[in-house]
Amino acid sequence: MLAVGLKAAEKYLESRKLELSPPTFKKEQQLLAFPLRRFGKVIIQHLTLDDLLTYRTWRSKTGVGAAIINMEMGVIRRILKRAKRWHLFESDIRPLRENHEFGRALTPKEKARLLETAASRPGWLVPKCAAIITLNTTMRGGELKTLR
């Protein structure tokens, strides 16, 4: 029998290595961190609906948003699908409703203050450049971080 923990996660990740780009693969690994803490020694055949629902509640109480919980549950779902066990839970587990509200745009005064603050110290050249690029291109944080 496979444990949901290390063996199943390693087997799952190994099978996904060829299917995913390196950044997506890394994200998949990161999304497994908390599920492994919770289910590390649970045998897949012993996993219950209550275990999965309790996990979602536990993650929510730690302050994690619905989007992250849904992504973690997605990894759990994919592992269970590979083990031919997801069919036992799929009709009872739906994704959590995510907040799709956007933040507000900075006012011109706020933009000027941001650039002024970023330019106020010589050691803040990288944040200053990041702010300039972001304000001029509307790049998101993940896109900005992968620039070379």
Foldseek 3Di string as FASTA:
>chain_A
DDFVADPLLVVLLVVCVVVDDVVVSVVLVVLCVLVCVQRVGHRLVRDDLVSLVVSLVVVVVVVDFQVSNQVSVVSVLSSCVVVVRNVRCVVPDDRDDGDPDDDDDDDPVRLVVQLCVLPPDPVSPVVNVLSVCCVVPVDDPVVSVPDD
